């Protein structure tokens, strides 16, 4: 659904801190901190994950899944996969 690095990157693109994201999502700051702490998929209560995704999307973030094509317009950022081995 969303990874910790995606959450951090989304906040950076929006120019907001964890407190602001927590307010937008109706969650506590420690909950946002726990979600962002991991490097993989965020684990937690589905309702909390849904609130974060909805808040980010409402603020203008498009979350792009692994291997997915972005269909929206505008600028964005995506991590490249590892370089191919020779």
N, C-alpha and C. Protein backbone atom coordinates (compact mmCIF):
# COMPACT_ATOMS: atom_id res chain seq x y z
N UNK A 1 0.83 -1.19 0.00
CA UNK A 1 0.00 0.00 0.00
C UNK A 1 0.87 1.25 0.00
N UNK A 2 1.72 1.44 1.00
CA UNK A 2 2.63 2.57 1.10
C UNK A 2 3.82 2.17 1.95
N UNK A 3 4.98 2.69 1.62
CA UNK A 3 6.18 2.38 2.40
C UNK A 3 6.58 3.59 3.24
N UNK A 4 7.42 3.34 4.24
CA UNK A 4 7.94 4.43 5.06
C UNK A 4 8.66 5.49 4.22
N UNK A 5 9.55 5.06 3.31
CA UNK A 5 10.22 6.05 2.46
C UNK A 5 9.25 6.84 1.58
N UNK A 6 8.17 6.20 1.10
CA UNK A 6 7.17 6.94 0.32
C UNK A 6 6.51 8.02 1.17
N UNK A 7 6.21 7.68 2.41
CA UNK A 7 5.59 8.67 3.30
C UNK A 7 6.52 9.85 3.53
N UNK A 8 7.79 9.56 3.79
CA UNK A 8 8.75 10.65 4.02
C UNK A 8 8.91 11.50 2.76
N UNK A 9 8.99 10.85 1.60
CA UNK A 9 9.13 11.58 0.35
C UNK A 9 7.88 12.44 0.06
N UNK A 10 6.72 11.89 0.33
CA UNK A 10 5.48 12.63 0.12
C UNK A 10 5.45 13.87 1.00
N UNK A 11 5.85 13.72 2.25
CA UNK A 11 5.90 14.88 3.15
C UNK A 11 6.87 15.92 2.63
N UNK A 12 8.03 15.44 2.14
CA UNK A 12 9.05 16.37 1.63
C UNK A 12 8.50 17.14 0.42
N UNK A 13 7.81 16.44 -0.49
CA UNK A 13 7.23 17.11 -1.66
C UNK A 13 6.20 18.16 -1.25
N UNK A 14 5.46 17.87 -0.20
CA UNK A 14 4.45 18.81 0.28
C UNK A 14 5.03 19.90 1.16
N UNK A 15 6.26 19.67 1.66
CA UNK A 15 6.89 20.64 2.56
C UNK A 15 6.23 20.67 3.92
N UNK A 16 5.79 19.49 4.40
CA UNK A 16 5.14 19.43 5.71
C UNK A 16 5.93 18.51 6.64
N UNK A 17 5.73 18.70 7.93
CA UNK A 17 6.39 17.85 8.92
C UNK A 17 5.43 16.75 9.38
N UNK A 18 5.94 15.89 10.27
CA UNK A 18 5.12 14.77 10.75
C UNK A 18 3.89 15.26 11.51
N UNK A 19 4.03 16.35 12.23
CA UNK A 19 2.91 16.88 13.00
C UNK A 19 1.77 17.30 12.07
N UNK A 20 2.13 17.95 10.97
CA UNK A 20 1.11 18.40 10.02
C UNK A 20 0.43 17.21 9.35
N UNK A 21 1.21 16.20 8.96
CA UNK A 21 0.61 15.01 8.36
C UNK A 21 -0.32 14.34 9.36
N UNK A 22 0.10 14.26 10.61
CA UNK A 22 -0.75 13.66 11.64
C UNK A 22 -2.07 14.42 11.75
N UNK A 23 -2.01 15.74 11.71
CA UNK A 23 -3.23 16.54 11.79
C UNK A 23 -4.12 16.30 10.57
N UNK A 24 -3.51 16.28 9.38
CA UNK A 24 -4.28 16.07 8.15
C UNK A 24 -4.96 14.70 8.14
N UNK A 25 -4.30 13.71 8.72
CA UNK A 25 -4.83 12.34 8.72
C UNK A 25 -5.68 12.04 9.96
N UNK A 26 -5.68 12.93 10.93
CA UNK A 26 -6.44 12.68 12.16
C UNK A 26 -5.81 11.61 13.02
N UNK A 27 -4.47 11.56 13.01
CA UNK A 27 -3.73 10.56 13.79
C UNK A 27 -2.74 11.25 14.72
N UNK A 28 -2.10 10.48 15.58
CA UNK A 28 -1.11 11.05 16.48
C UNK A 28 0.27 11.09 15.81
N UNK A 29 1.12 11.98 16.28
CA UNK A 29 2.48 12.08 15.76
C UNK A 29 3.24 10.76 15.97
N UNK A 30 3.15 10.12 17.15
CA UNK A 30 3.84 8.83 17.30
C UNK A 30 3.40 7.77 16.29
N UNK A 31 2.13 7.80 15.89
CA UNK A 31 1.66 6.86 14.89
C UNK A 31 2.35 7.11 13.55
N UNK A 32 2.45 8.37 13.15
CA UNK A 32 3.15 8.73 11.91
C UNK A 32 4.62 8.34 12.01
N UNK A 33 5.24 8.59 13.15
CA UNK A 33 6.65 8.24 13.34
C UNK A 33 6.87 6.74 13.19
N UNK A 34 5.98 5.93 13.78
CA UNK A 34 6.10 4.47 13.66
C UNK A 34 5.93 4.03 12.21
N UNK A 35 4.99 4.63 11.52
CA UNK A 35 4.75 4.26 10.13
C UNK A 35 5.97 4.57 9.25
N UNK A 36 6.61 5.69 9.50
CA UNK A 36 7.74 6.11 8.67
C UNK A 36 9.05 5.43 9.06
N UNK A 37 9.09 4.79 10.20
CA UNK A 37 10.35 4.23 10.72
C UNK A 37 10.89 3.07 9.89
N UNK A 38 10.03 2.28 9.30
CA UNK A 38 10.49 1.11 8.55
C UNK A 38 10.91 1.45 7.14
N UNK A 39 11.60 0.51 6.51
CA UNK A 39 12.02 0.72 5.13
C UNK A 39 11.10 0.03 4.13
N UNK A 40 10.27 -0.87 4.63
CA UNK A 40 9.35 -1.60 3.75
C UNK A 40 7.93 -1.08 3.86
N UNK A 41 6.99 -1.95 3.49
CA UNK A 41 5.58 -1.58 3.58
C UNK A 41 5.21 -1.22 5.01
N UNK A 42 4.42 -0.17 5.14
CA UNK A 42 3.97 0.27 6.46
C UNK A 42 3.02 -0.76 7.01
N UNK A 43 3.25 -1.14 8.24
CA UNK A 43 2.37 -2.08 8.92
C UNK A 43 1.61 -1.32 9.99
N UNK A 44 0.39 -1.70 10.19
CA UNK A 44 -0.40 -1.03 11.20
C UNK A 44 -1.88 -1.28 10.98
N UNK A 45 -2.66 -0.52 11.68
CA UNK A 45 -4.11 -0.62 11.58
C UNK A 45 -4.54 -0.12 10.20
N UNK A 46 -5.33 -0.90 9.51
CA UNK A 46 -5.76 -0.56 8.15
C UNK A 46 -6.43 0.81 8.12
N UNK A 47 -7.22 1.12 9.13
CA UNK A 47 -7.91 2.42 9.18
C UNK A 47 -6.90 3.56 9.20
N UNK A 48 -5.82 3.40 9.95
CA UNK A 48 -4.78 4.44 10.03
C UNK A 48 -4.06 4.59 8.69
N UNK A 49 -3.75 3.47 8.05
CA UNK A 49 -3.11 3.52 6.74
C UNK A 49 -4.00 4.22 5.72
N UNK A 50 -5.28 3.90 5.76
CA UNK A 50 -6.24 4.52 4.84
C UNK A 50 -6.31 6.02 5.06
N UNK A 51 -6.29 6.45 6.31
CA UNK A 51 -6.35 7.88 6.63
C UNK A 51 -5.12 8.61 6.10
N UNK A 52 -3.94 8.01 6.24
CA UNK A 52 -2.71 8.64 5.75
C UNK A 52 -2.75 8.75 4.23
N UNK A 53 -3.10 7.67 3.56
CA UNK A 53 -3.16 7.68 2.09
C UNK A 53 -4.17 8.72 1.62
N UNK A 54 -5.33 8.77 2.23
CA UNK A 54 -6.36 9.74 1.84
C UNK A 54 -5.88 11.17 2.07
N UNK A 55 -5.21 11.42 3.19
CA UNK A 55 -4.70 12.76 3.48
C UNK A 55 -3.65 13.18 2.46
N UNK A 56 -2.75 12.26 2.12
CA UNK A 56 -1.71 12.58 1.14
C UNK A 56 -2.32 12.82 -0.24
N UNK A 57 -3.27 11.99 -0.63
CA UNK A 57 -3.91 12.17 -1.94
C UNK A 57 -4.69 13.47 -1.98
N UNK A 58 -5.38 13.79 -0.91
CA UNK A 58 -6.14 15.05 -0.84
C UNK A 58 -5.20 16.25 -0.95
N UNK A 59 -3.98 16.11 -0.44
CA UNK A 59 -3.00 17.20 -0.48
C UNK A 59 -2.29 17.28 -1.83
N UNK A 60 -2.56 16.31 -2.73
CA UNK A 60 -1.99 16.38 -4.07
C UNK A 60 -0.93 15.36 -4.39
N UNK A 61 -0.73 14.38 -3.53
CA UNK A 61 0.27 13.35 -3.77
C UNK A 61 -0.35 12.18 -4.53
N UNK A 62 0.36 11.69 -5.54
CA UNK A 62 -0.04 10.47 -6.23
C UNK A 62 0.94 9.38 -5.82
N UNK A 63 0.46 8.36 -5.15
CA UNK A 63 1.31 7.25 -4.74
C UNK A 63 1.42 6.28 -5.91
N UNK A 64 2.64 5.98 -6.28
CA UNK A 64 2.90 5.12 -7.43
C UNK A 64 3.44 3.79 -6.92
N UNK A 65 2.74 2.72 -7.22
CA UNK A 65 3.18 1.40 -6.80
C UNK A 65 4.35 0.89 -7.62
N UNK A 66 5.02 -0.10 -7.12
CA UNK A 66 6.15 -0.72 -7.80
C UNK A 66 5.75 -1.16 -9.21
N UNK A 67 6.43 -0.65 -10.22
CA UNK A 67 6.16 -1.03 -11.59
C UNK A 67 4.91 -0.41 -12.21
N UNK A 68 4.24 0.47 -11.47
CA UNK A 68 3.03 1.09 -11.97
C UNK A 68 3.37 2.30 -12.84
N UNK A 69 2.45 2.60 -13.74
CA UNK A 69 2.58 3.77 -14.59
C UNK A 69 1.82 4.91 -13.95
N UNK A 70 2.40 6.10 -13.96
CA UNK A 70 1.72 7.27 -13.45
C UNK A 70 0.81 7.82 -14.54
N UNK A 71 -0.46 7.97 -14.24
CA UNK A 71 -1.41 8.45 -15.23
C UNK A 71 -1.75 9.92 -15.06
N UNK A 72 -1.29 10.53 -13.99
CA UNK A 72 -1.60 11.93 -13.73
C UNK A 72 -0.56 12.83 -14.40
N UNK A 73 -0.87 14.09 -14.45
CA UNK A 73 0.08 15.06 -14.98
C UNK A 73 0.82 15.70 -13.83
N UNK A 74 1.83 16.45 -14.14
CA UNK A 74 2.59 17.14 -13.11
C UNK A 74 3.93 16.46 -12.89
N UNK A 75 4.73 17.10 -12.11
CA UNK A 75 6.05 16.59 -11.83
C UNK A 75 5.98 15.54 -10.73
N UNK A 76 6.99 14.70 -10.66
CA UNK A 76 7.00 13.67 -9.64
C UNK A 76 8.39 13.12 -9.44
N UNK A 77 8.49 12.22 -8.51
CA UNK A 77 9.76 11.59 -8.18
C UNK A 77 9.52 10.10 -8.04
N UNK A 78 10.46 9.34 -8.54
CA UNK A 78 10.37 7.89 -8.42
C UNK A 78 11.77 7.34 -8.29
N UNK A 79 11.97 6.37 -7.42
CA UNK A 79 13.26 5.71 -7.30
C UNK A 79 13.42 4.70 -8.42
N UNK A 80 14.59 4.69 -8.99
CA UNK A 80 14.90 3.69 -10.00
C UNK A 80 15.21 2.38 -9.30
N UNK A 81 15.01 1.30 -10.01
CA UNK A 81 15.40 0.01 -9.48
C UNK A 81 16.91 -0.11 -9.51
N UNK A 82 17.45 -1.17 -8.93
CA UNK A 82 18.89 -1.33 -8.95
C UNK A 82 19.39 -1.47 -10.39
N UNK A 83 20.61 -1.02 -10.67
CA UNK A 83 21.12 -1.13 -12.03
C UNK A 83 21.27 -2.60 -12.43
N UNK A 84 21.10 -2.88 -13.71
CA UNK A 84 21.24 -4.27 -14.16
C UNK A 84 22.68 -4.76 -13.97
N UNK A 85 22.79 -6.01 -13.64
CA UNK A 85 24.13 -6.59 -13.46
C UNK A 85 24.73 -6.90 -14.81
N UNK A 86 26.06 -6.67 -14.96
CA UNK A 86 26.69 -6.92 -16.26
C UNK A 86 26.75 -8.38 -16.62
